[in-house]
């Protein structure tokens, strides 16, 4: 018989607190990669209005491309996947984790490995980018708080890189 699998998070549950910044693992959530040529088809399936401008985010949905969105919802949330409409909805909850980087130095710490000027990144904005060589999705939740979505397999590496940047 196989033993029950236990998932361990790749980063500590205890936040990293450094001068001007706190880095912590976000609570559990559901994540869905959404694709559709017509936003209206996804809106019909999800029964919500999607942000239409690339980089915009509203109500947990970020527009990452002309036909691509990223939905973050409370843990256990489900979305219909068999609508008959030409949409692709993929649950990526187990693939990804989210780190919350907050405090007056949050943008500075993220910019230590990210090519974007996050000082001029508006609250509510979301984008896919890189941190050093790792693909991430950055969502600016507040002036001093960013959510960084990344693949679980890069979690331990990212944690070391971002906490090292915070300690300098």
N, C-alpha and C. Protein backbone atom coordinates (compact mmCIF):
# COMPACT_ATOMS: atom_id res chain seq x y z
N UNK A 1 0.84 -1.18 0.00
CA UNK A 1 0.00 0.00 0.00
C UNK A 1 0.89 1.24 0.00
N UNK A 2 0.42 2.24 -0.68
CA UNK A 2 1.17 3.49 -0.67
C UNK A 2 0.85 4.27 0.59
N UNK A 3 1.85 5.00 1.05
CA UNK A 3 1.64 5.83 2.23
C UNK A 3 0.99 7.13 1.81
N UNK A 4 0.31 7.75 2.74
CA UNK A 4 -0.31 9.05 2.46
C UNK A 4 0.78 10.07 2.18
N UNK A 5 0.57 10.87 1.16
CA UNK A 5 1.53 11.91 0.84
C UNK A 5 1.24 13.14 1.67
N UNK A 6 2.29 13.72 2.18
CA UNK A 6 2.17 14.96 2.95
C UNK A 6 2.96 16.02 2.21
N UNK A 7 2.29 17.11 1.87
CA UNK A 7 2.98 18.20 1.16
C UNK A 7 3.58 19.15 2.17
N UNK A 8 4.86 19.40 1.99
CA UNK A 8 5.55 20.38 2.80
C UNK A 8 5.79 21.60 1.93
N UNK A 9 5.58 22.76 2.50
CA UNK A 9 5.85 23.99 1.75
C UNK A 9 7.35 24.15 1.58
N UNK A 10 7.79 24.67 0.43
CA UNK A 10 9.22 24.80 0.18
C UNK A 10 9.86 25.99 0.90
N UNK A 11 9.05 26.77 1.60
CA UNK A 11 9.58 27.92 2.34
C UNK A 11 9.09 27.82 3.79
N UNK A 12 9.81 28.43 4.71
CA UNK A 12 9.40 28.37 6.12
C UNK A 12 8.05 29.05 6.35
N UNK A 13 7.32 28.55 7.33
CA UNK A 13 6.06 29.20 7.70
C UNK A 13 6.32 30.47 8.51
N UNK A 14 7.47 30.55 9.14
CA UNK A 14 7.84 31.73 9.93
C UNK A 14 8.32 32.82 8.98
N UNK A 15 7.71 34.01 9.05
CA UNK A 15 8.13 35.10 8.15
C UNK A 15 9.57 35.52 8.38
N UNK A 16 10.18 36.05 7.35
CA UNK A 16 11.50 36.69 7.45
C UNK A 16 11.23 38.17 7.71
N UNK A 17 11.75 38.66 8.80
CA UNK A 17 11.59 40.07 9.14
C UNK A 17 12.98 40.70 9.11
N UNK A 18 13.14 41.68 8.22
CA UNK A 18 14.40 42.40 8.09
C UNK A 18 14.09 43.88 8.15
N UNK A 19 15.11 44.71 8.14
CA UNK A 19 14.91 46.15 8.21
C UNK A 19 14.01 46.62 7.06
N UNK A 20 12.82 47.11 7.40
CA UNK A 20 11.93 47.70 6.41
C UNK A 20 11.15 46.72 5.54
N UNK A 21 11.21 45.44 5.82
CA UNK A 21 10.49 44.47 4.98
C UNK A 21 10.17 43.19 5.76
N UNK A 22 9.02 42.62 5.44
CA UNK A 22 8.64 41.31 5.95
C UNK A 22 8.29 40.44 4.75
N UNK A 23 8.79 39.22 4.74
CA UNK A 23 8.53 38.29 3.65
C UNK A 23 7.87 37.06 4.26
N UNK A 24 6.69 36.71 3.75
CA UNK A 24 5.97 35.59 4.34
C UNK A 24 5.22 34.81 3.27
N UNK A 25 4.91 33.57 3.61
CA UNK A 25 4.13 32.71 2.74
C UNK A 25 2.66 33.10 2.87
N UNK A 26 2.00 33.33 1.74
CA UNK A 26 0.56 33.64 1.76
C UNK A 26 -0.20 32.39 2.17
N UNK A 27 -1.39 32.60 2.67
CA UNK A 27 -2.24 31.48 3.04
C UNK A 27 -2.66 30.66 1.83
N UNK A 28 -3.23 29.50 2.06
CA UNK A 28 -3.67 28.65 0.95
C UNK A 28 -4.70 29.36 0.07
N UNK A 29 -4.61 29.12 -1.23
CA UNK A 29 -5.59 29.68 -2.16
C UNK A 29 -5.66 28.80 -3.39
N UNK A 30 -6.73 28.96 -4.13
CA UNK A 30 -6.89 28.29 -5.42
C UNK A 30 -6.38 29.23 -6.50
N UNK A 31 -5.76 28.67 -7.51
CA UNK A 31 -5.24 29.44 -8.63
C UNK A 31 -5.66 28.76 -9.93
N UNK A 32 -6.07 29.59 -10.89
CA UNK A 32 -6.50 29.06 -12.18
C UNK A 32 -5.86 29.87 -13.30
N UNK A 33 -5.28 29.18 -14.27
CA UNK A 33 -4.80 29.80 -15.50
C UNK A 33 -5.99 29.79 -16.46
N UNK A 34 -6.31 30.95 -17.00
CA UNK A 34 -7.48 31.11 -17.87
C UNK A 34 -7.04 31.56 -19.25
N UNK A 35 -7.56 30.92 -20.28
CA UNK A 35 -7.24 31.32 -21.66
C UNK A 35 -8.54 31.34 -22.46
N UNK A 36 -8.68 32.35 -23.30
CA UNK A 36 -9.82 32.45 -24.21
C UNK A 36 -9.52 33.52 -25.25
N UNK A 37 -9.94 33.27 -26.47
CA UNK A 37 -9.78 34.30 -27.50
C UNK A 37 -10.74 35.46 -27.26
N UNK A 38 -11.89 35.13 -26.71
CA UNK A 38 -12.90 36.17 -26.42
C UNK A 38 -13.13 36.22 -24.91
N UNK A 39 -12.83 37.35 -24.33
CA UNK A 39 -13.03 37.52 -22.88
C UNK A 39 -14.48 37.26 -22.50
N UNK A 40 -15.40 37.58 -23.39
CA UNK A 40 -16.82 37.40 -23.10
C UNK A 40 -17.15 35.93 -22.80
N UNK A 41 -16.46 35.00 -23.47
CA UNK A 41 -16.72 33.59 -23.21
C UNK A 41 -16.32 33.22 -21.78
N UNK A 42 -15.16 33.70 -21.33
CA UNK A 42 -14.75 33.44 -19.94
C UNK A 42 -15.69 34.13 -18.96
N UNK A 43 -16.13 35.32 -19.29
CA UNK A 43 -17.06 36.03 -18.40
C UNK A 43 -18.36 35.25 -18.26
N UNK A 44 -18.82 34.64 -19.33
CA UNK A 44 -20.03 33.83 -19.28
C UNK A 44 -19.83 32.63 -18.35
N UNK A 45 -18.69 31.99 -18.47
CA UNK A 45 -18.40 30.80 -17.64
C UNK A 45 -18.22 31.19 -16.17
N UNK A 46 -17.43 32.22 -15.91
CA UNK A 46 -17.10 32.60 -14.54
C UNK A 46 -18.14 33.49 -13.88
N UNK A 47 -18.99 34.11 -14.69
CA UNK A 47 -20.02 35.04 -14.20
C UNK A 47 -19.40 36.23 -13.46
N UNK A 48 -18.29 36.72 -14.01
CA UNK A 48 -17.63 37.93 -13.50
C UNK A 48 -17.11 38.72 -14.68
N UNK A 49 -16.86 39.98 -14.46
CA UNK A 49 -16.25 40.84 -15.49
C UNK A 49 -14.74 40.71 -15.37
N UNK A 50 -14.08 40.47 -16.49
CA UNK A 50 -12.62 40.33 -16.51
C UNK A 50 -11.96 41.68 -16.78
N UNK A 51 -10.80 41.92 -16.17
CA UNK A 51 -10.05 43.11 -16.56
C UNK A 51 -9.59 42.93 -18.00
N UNK A 52 -9.66 43.98 -18.81
CA UNK A 52 -9.36 43.88 -20.23
C UNK A 52 -7.99 44.41 -20.60
N UNK A 53 -7.40 45.23 -19.76
CA UNK A 53 -6.09 45.81 -20.07
C UNK A 53 -4.98 44.94 -19.50
N UNK A 54 -4.00 44.62 -20.33
CA UNK A 54 -2.89 43.82 -19.86
C UNK A 54 -2.22 44.55 -18.70
N UNK A 55 -2.05 43.83 -17.60
CA UNK A 55 -1.46 44.41 -16.40
C UNK A 55 -2.49 44.81 -15.35
N UNK A 56 -3.76 44.87 -15.74
CA UNK A 56 -4.80 45.23 -14.78
C UNK A 56 -5.20 44.01 -13.96
N UNK A 57 -5.63 44.25 -12.73
CA UNK A 57 -6.17 43.17 -11.90
C UNK A 57 -7.36 43.71 -11.13
N UNK A 58 -8.37 42.87 -11.03
CA UNK A 58 -9.60 43.21 -10.31
C UNK A 58 -10.17 41.95 -9.70
N UNK A 59 -10.61 42.05 -8.47
CA UNK A 59 -11.33 40.97 -7.80
C UNK A 59 -10.61 39.62 -7.92
N UNK A 60 -9.28 39.64 -7.77
CA UNK A 60 -8.52 38.40 -7.80
C UNK A 60 -8.17 37.87 -9.18
N UNK A 61 -8.50 38.63 -10.23
CA UNK A 61 -8.19 38.21 -11.59
C UNK A 61 -7.22 39.21 -12.21
N UNK A 62 -6.09 38.70 -12.71
CA UNK A 62 -5.09 39.54 -13.36
C UNK A 62 -5.07 39.24 -14.85
N UNK A 63 -5.04 40.28 -15.66
CA UNK A 63 -4.92 40.13 -17.11
C UNK A 63 -3.43 40.11 -17.45
N UNK A 64 -2.93 38.97 -17.91
CA UNK A 64 -1.51 38.81 -18.18
C UNK A 64 -1.16 38.91 -19.66
N UNK A 65 -2.15 38.84 -20.52
CA UNK A 65 -1.91 38.91 -21.96
C UNK A 65 -3.21 39.14 -22.68
N UNK A 66 -3.18 39.25 -23.99
CA UNK A 66 -4.41 39.55 -24.73
C UNK A 66 -5.47 38.46 -24.63
N UNK A 67 -5.05 37.24 -24.31
CA UNK A 67 -6.02 36.15 -24.18
C UNK A 67 -5.74 35.30 -22.94
N UNK A 68 -5.11 35.92 -21.93
CA UNK A 68 -4.68 35.16 -20.76
C UNK A 68 -4.96 35.93 -19.46
N UNK A 69 -5.52 35.20 -18.50
CA UNK A 69 -5.81 35.75 -17.18
C UNK A 69 -5.35 34.76 -16.12
N UNK A 70 -5.18 35.27 -14.91
CA UNK A 70 -4.76 34.45 -13.77
C UNK A 70 -5.73 34.75 -12.65
N UNK A 71 -6.42 33.73 -12.17
CA UNK A 71 -7.44 33.89 -11.14
C UNK A 71 -6.93 33.32 -9.83
N UNK A 72 -6.99 34.13 -8.78
CA UNK A 72 -6.67 33.67 -7.42
C UNK A 72 -7.93 33.79 -6.59
N UNK A 73 -8.27 32.70 -5.90
CA UNK A 73 -9.51 32.66 -5.12
C UNK A 73 -9.24 31.96 -3.79
N UNK A 74 -10.22 32.02 -2.92
CA UNK A 74 -10.05 31.39 -1.61
C UNK A 74 -9.87 29.88 -1.77
N UNK A 75 -9.18 29.28 -0.81
CA UNK A 75 -8.92 27.84 -0.84
C UNK A 75 -10.24 27.08 -0.96
N UNK A 76 -10.25 26.09 -1.80
CA UNK A 76 -11.45 25.27 -2.00
C UNK A 76 -12.40 25.78 -3.07
N UNK A 77 -12.15 26.98 -3.60
CA UNK A 77 -13.02 27.53 -4.64
C UNK A 77 -12.93 26.68 -5.89
N UNK A 78 -14.03 26.58 -6.60
CA UNK A 78 -14.03 25.85 -7.86
C UNK A 78 -14.60 26.74 -8.95
N UNK A 79 -14.27 26.41 -10.17
CA UNK A 79 -14.84 27.10 -11.32
C UNK A 79 -15.30 26.04 -12.30
N UNK A 80 -16.34 26.32 -13.07
CA UNK A 80 -16.80 25.34 -14.05
C UNK A 80 -15.74 25.14 -15.14
N UNK A 81 -15.51 23.89 -15.50
CA UNK A 81 -14.51 23.62 -16.53
C UNK A 81 -15.12 22.97 -17.77
N UNK A 82 -16.40 22.62 -17.71
CA UNK A 82 -17.05 21.96 -18.84
C UNK A 82 -18.22 22.80 -19.31
N UNK A 83 -17.89 23.95 -19.91
CA UNK A 83 -18.94 24.90 -20.30
C UNK A 83 -19.40 24.73 -21.74
N UNK A 84 -18.60 24.04 -22.53
CA UNK A 84 -18.92 23.94 -23.95
C UNK A 84 -18.45 25.14 -24.75
N UNK A 85 -17.93 26.15 -24.08
CA UNK A 85 -17.40 27.34 -24.76
C UNK A 85 -15.91 27.15 -25.02
N UNK A 86 -15.36 27.85 -26.01
CA UNK A 86 -13.94 27.69 -26.33
C UNK A 86 -13.03 28.43 -25.36
N UNK A 87 -12.94 27.89 -24.15
CA UNK A 87 -12.09 28.46 -23.11
C UNK A 87 -11.23 27.34 -22.51
N UNK A 88 -10.12 27.73 -21.92
CA UNK A 88 -9.28 26.77 -21.20
C UNK A 88 -9.14 27.27 -19.77
N UNK A 89 -9.54 26.43 -18.83
CA UNK A 89 -9.43 26.76 -17.41
C UNK A 89 -8.64 25.64 -16.76
N UNK A 90 -7.47 25.98 -16.24
CA UNK A 90 -6.59 24.98 -15.66
C UNK A 90 -6.31 25.33 -14.21
N UNK A 91 -6.59 24.39 -13.31
CA UNK A 91 -6.30 24.59 -11.90
C UNK A 91 -4.80 24.40 -11.70
N UNK A 92 -4.10 25.46 -11.31
CA UNK A 92 -2.66 25.41 -11.09
C UNK A 92 -2.31 25.61 -9.61
N UNK A 93 -3.27 25.31 -8.75
CA UNK A 93 -3.11 25.55 -7.31
C UNK A 93 -1.93 24.80 -6.72
N UNK A 94 -1.72 23.58 -7.12
CA UNK A 94 -0.64 22.79 -6.55
C UNK A 94 0.72 23.15 -7.14
N UNK A 95 0.70 23.79 -8.29
CA UNK A 95 1.95 24.17 -8.96
C UNK A 95 2.58 25.40 -8.33
N UNK A 96 1.77 26.30 -7.79
CA UNK A 96 2.25 27.62 -7.40
C UNK A 96 2.12 27.89 -5.91
N UNK A 97 2.97 28.82 -5.46
CA UNK A 97 2.86 29.38 -4.11
C UNK A 97 2.91 30.89 -4.26
N UNK A 98 2.59 31.58 -3.18
CA UNK A 98 2.64 33.04 -3.18
C UNK A 98 3.41 33.52 -1.96
N UNK A 99 4.36 34.40 -2.19
CA UNK A 99 5.05 35.06 -1.10
C UNK A 99 4.58 36.50 -1.05
N UNK A 100 4.36 36.99 0.16
CA UNK A 100 3.96 38.38 0.38
C UNK A 100 5.20 39.14 0.85
N UNK A 101 5.51 40.19 0.12
CA UNK A 101 6.67 41.02 0.46
C UNK A 101 6.11 42.40 0.78
N UNK A 102 6.26 42.80 2.05
CA UNK A 102 5.64 44.06 2.46
C UNK A 102 6.54 44.86 3.38
N UNK A 103 6.31 46.16 3.33
CA UNK A 103 7.08 47.10 4.13
C UNK A 103 7.64 48.17 3.24
N UNK A 104 8.22 49.22 3.83
CA UNK A 104 8.73 50.33 3.05
C UNK A 104 9.82 49.96 2.05
N UNK A 105 10.53 48.84 2.26
CA UNK A 105 11.60 48.42 1.34
C UNK A 105 11.13 47.34 0.37
N UNK A 106 9.85 47.03 0.31
CA UNK A 106 9.36 45.92 -0.51
C UNK A 106 9.76 46.07 -1.97
N UNK A 107 9.50 47.22 -2.56
CA UNK A 107 9.85 47.43 -3.98
C UNK A 107 11.36 47.32 -4.18
N UNK A 108 12.12 47.91 -3.31
CA UNK A 108 13.58 47.87 -3.41
C UNK A 108 14.10 46.43 -3.40
N UNK A 109 13.56 45.62 -2.50
CA UNK A 109 14.00 44.22 -2.37
C UNK A 109 13.65 43.45 -3.64
N UNK A 110 12.45 43.63 -4.15
CA UNK A 110 12.06 42.94 -5.39
C UNK A 110 12.90 43.40 -6.57
N UNK A 111 13.22 44.68 -6.63
CA UNK A 111 14.01 45.19 -7.75
C UNK A 111 15.46 44.72 -7.70
N UNK A 112 15.88 44.11 -6.59
CA UNK A 112 17.25 43.58 -6.53
C UNK A 112 17.47 42.46 -7.54
N UNK A 113 16.39 41.82 -8.00
CA UNK A 113 16.54 40.76 -8.98
C UNK A 113 15.54 40.83 -10.11
N UNK A 114 14.75 41.90 -10.14
CA UNK A 114 13.70 42.06 -11.15
C UNK A 114 14.01 43.28 -12.01
N UNK A 115 13.87 43.18 -13.33
CA UNK A 115 14.23 44.30 -14.20
C UNK A 115 13.22 45.44 -14.24
N UNK A 116 12.09 45.30 -13.58
CA UNK A 116 11.05 46.33 -13.63
C UNK A 116 11.31 47.45 -12.63
N UNK A 117 10.84 48.64 -12.95
CA UNK A 117 10.87 49.77 -12.02
C UNK A 117 9.60 49.69 -11.17
N UNK A 118 9.68 48.97 -10.07
CA UNK A 118 8.49 48.75 -9.24
C UNK A 118 8.10 49.97 -8.43
N UNK A 119 8.97 50.97 -8.34
CA UNK A 119 8.60 52.22 -7.69
C UNK A 119 7.47 52.90 -8.47
N UNK A 120 7.43 52.67 -9.77
CA UNK A 120 6.40 53.27 -10.63
C UNK A 120 5.35 52.27 -11.09
N UNK A 121 5.23 51.18 -10.39
CA UNK A 121 4.27 50.11 -10.69
C UNK A 121 3.02 50.40 -9.86
N UNK A 122 1.91 50.70 -10.50
CA UNK A 122 0.71 51.16 -9.80
C UNK A 122 0.10 50.07 -8.91
N UNK A 123 -0.51 50.50 -7.83
CA UNK A 123 -1.27 49.58 -6.98
C UNK A 123 -2.38 48.98 -7.83
N UNK A 124 -2.55 47.66 -7.72
CA UNK A 124 -3.55 46.97 -8.52
C UNK A 124 -3.00 46.41 -9.82
N UNK A 125 -1.77 46.73 -10.13
CA UNK A 125 -1.15 46.24 -11.36
C UNK A 125 -0.59 44.85 -11.15
N UNK A 126 -0.58 44.05 -12.21
CA UNK A 126 -0.04 42.69 -12.18
C UNK A 126 0.72 42.43 -13.47
N UNK A 127 1.80 41.67 -13.37
CA UNK A 127 2.55 41.33 -14.57
C UNK A 127 3.35 40.05 -14.36
N UNK A 128 3.61 39.40 -15.46
CA UNK A 128 4.54 38.28 -15.46
C UNK A 128 5.91 38.86 -15.77
N UNK A 129 6.91 38.47 -15.00
CA UNK A 129 8.27 38.96 -15.20
C UNK A 129 9.23 37.91 -14.68
N UNK A 130 10.45 38.31 -14.42
CA UNK A 130 11.42 37.38 -13.84
C UNK A 130 12.05 38.01 -12.61
N UNK A 131 12.49 37.15 -11.72
CA UNK A 131 13.35 37.54 -10.60
C UNK A 131 14.62 36.72 -10.81
N UNK A 132 15.69 37.39 -11.13
CA UNK A 132 16.91 36.76 -11.62
C UNK A 132 16.53 35.90 -12.82
N UNK A 133 16.47 34.59 -12.71
CA UNK A 133 16.10 33.76 -13.86
C UNK A 133 14.78 33.01 -13.68
N UNK A 134 14.06 33.31 -12.61
CA UNK A 134 12.83 32.59 -12.30
C UNK A 134 11.61 33.40 -12.73
N UNK A 135 10.71 32.78 -13.47
CA UNK A 135 9.47 33.45 -13.87
C UNK A 135 8.56 33.61 -12.66
N UNK A 136 8.05 34.82 -12.48
CA UNK A 136 7.14 35.14 -11.38
C UNK A 136 6.00 36.00 -11.91
N UNK A 137 4.93 36.05 -11.15
CA UNK A 137 3.86 37.01 -11.39
C UNK A 137 3.87 37.93 -10.18
N UNK A 138 4.01 39.22 -10.43
CA UNK A 138 4.02 40.21 -9.35
C UNK A 138 2.71 40.98 -9.39
N UNK A 139 2.05 41.06 -8.24
CA UNK A 139 0.81 41.81 -8.11
C UNK A 139 1.03 42.83 -6.98
N UNK A 140 0.87 44.09 -7.31
CA UNK A 140 1.03 45.12 -6.27
C UNK A 140 -0.31 45.30 -5.58
N UNK A 141 -0.37 44.87 -4.34
CA UNK A 141 -1.60 44.91 -3.56
C UNK A 141 -1.80 46.26 -2.85
N UNK A 142 -0.71 46.91 -2.50
CA UNK A 142 -0.75 48.21 -1.80
C UNK A 142 0.58 48.90 -2.07
N UNK A 143 0.70 50.14 -1.65
CA UNK A 143 1.94 50.89 -1.86
C UNK A 143 3.15 50.12 -1.34
N UNK A 144 2.96 49.42 -0.23
CA UNK A 144 4.10 48.74 0.40
C UNK A 144 3.91 47.22 0.48
N UNK A 145 3.06 46.64 -0.40
CA UNK A 145 2.82 45.19 -0.35
C UNK A 145 2.69 44.61 -1.75
N UNK A 146 3.50 43.59 -2.02
CA UNK A 146 3.47 42.86 -3.28
C UNK A 146 3.19 41.39 -3.01
N UNK A 147 2.42 40.77 -3.89
CA UNK A 147 2.25 39.32 -3.88
C UNK A 147 3.08 38.80 -5.05
N UNK A 148 3.90 37.82 -4.78
CA UNK A 148 4.75 37.23 -5.82
C UNK A 148 4.35 35.76 -5.97
N UNK A 149 3.76 35.45 -7.10
CA UNK A 149 3.36 34.08 -7.43
C UNK A 149 4.50 33.42 -8.18
N UNK A 150 4.86 32.21 -7.78
CA UNK A 150 5.91 31.48 -8.47
C UNK A 150 5.66 29.99 -8.37
N UNK A 151 6.31 29.25 -9.23
CA UNK A 151 6.16 27.80 -9.19
C UNK A 151 6.77 27.26 -7.90
N UNK A 152 6.06 26.33 -7.32
CA UNK A 152 6.48 25.70 -6.06
C UNK A 152 7.91 25.16 -6.15
N UNK A 153 8.28 24.60 -7.30
CA UNK A 153 9.61 24.00 -7.44
C UNK A 153 10.74 25.03 -7.30
N UNK A 154 10.44 26.32 -7.50
CA UNK A 154 11.44 27.37 -7.34
C UNK A 154 11.34 28.03 -5.96
N UNK A 155 10.42 27.59 -5.14
CA UNK A 155 10.15 28.24 -3.86
C UNK A 155 11.35 28.35 -2.94
N UNK A 156 12.06 27.25 -2.71
CA UNK A 156 13.19 27.28 -1.79
C UNK A 156 14.29 28.21 -2.32
N UNK A 157 14.58 28.13 -3.63
CA UNK A 157 15.59 29.00 -4.22
C UNK A 157 15.19 30.46 -4.08
N UNK A 158 13.93 30.78 -4.42
CA UNK A 158 13.46 32.17 -4.36
C UNK A 158 13.52 32.68 -2.92
N UNK A 159 13.11 31.86 -1.98
CA UNK A 159 13.13 32.27 -0.57
C UNK A 159 14.55 32.67 -0.15
N UNK A 160 15.53 31.87 -0.51
CA UNK A 160 16.92 32.19 -0.16
C UNK A 160 17.35 33.49 -0.84
N UNK A 161 17.04 33.63 -2.14
CA UNK A 161 17.46 34.82 -2.88
C UNK A 161 16.82 36.09 -2.32
N UNK A 162 15.51 36.05 -2.07
CA UNK A 162 14.81 37.26 -1.64
C UNK A 162 15.13 37.61 -0.18
N UNK A 163 15.31 36.60 0.68
CA UNK A 163 15.66 36.92 2.07
C UNK A 163 17.11 37.39 2.18
N UNK A 164 17.98 36.89 1.31
CA UNK A 164 19.36 37.41 1.28
C UNK A 164 19.35 38.87 0.84
N UNK A 165 18.55 39.19 -0.17
CA UNK A 165 18.46 40.59 -0.63
C UNK A 165 17.92 41.47 0.51
N UNK A 166 16.98 40.95 1.27
CA UNK A 166 16.39 41.73 2.37
C UNK A 166 17.37 41.98 3.50
N UNK A 167 18.32 41.08 3.66
CA UNK A 167 19.25 41.22 4.79
C UNK A 167 20.41 42.15 4.50
N UNK A 168 20.48 42.67 3.27
CA UNK A 168 21.59 43.58 2.92
C UNK A 168 21.12 45.01 2.81
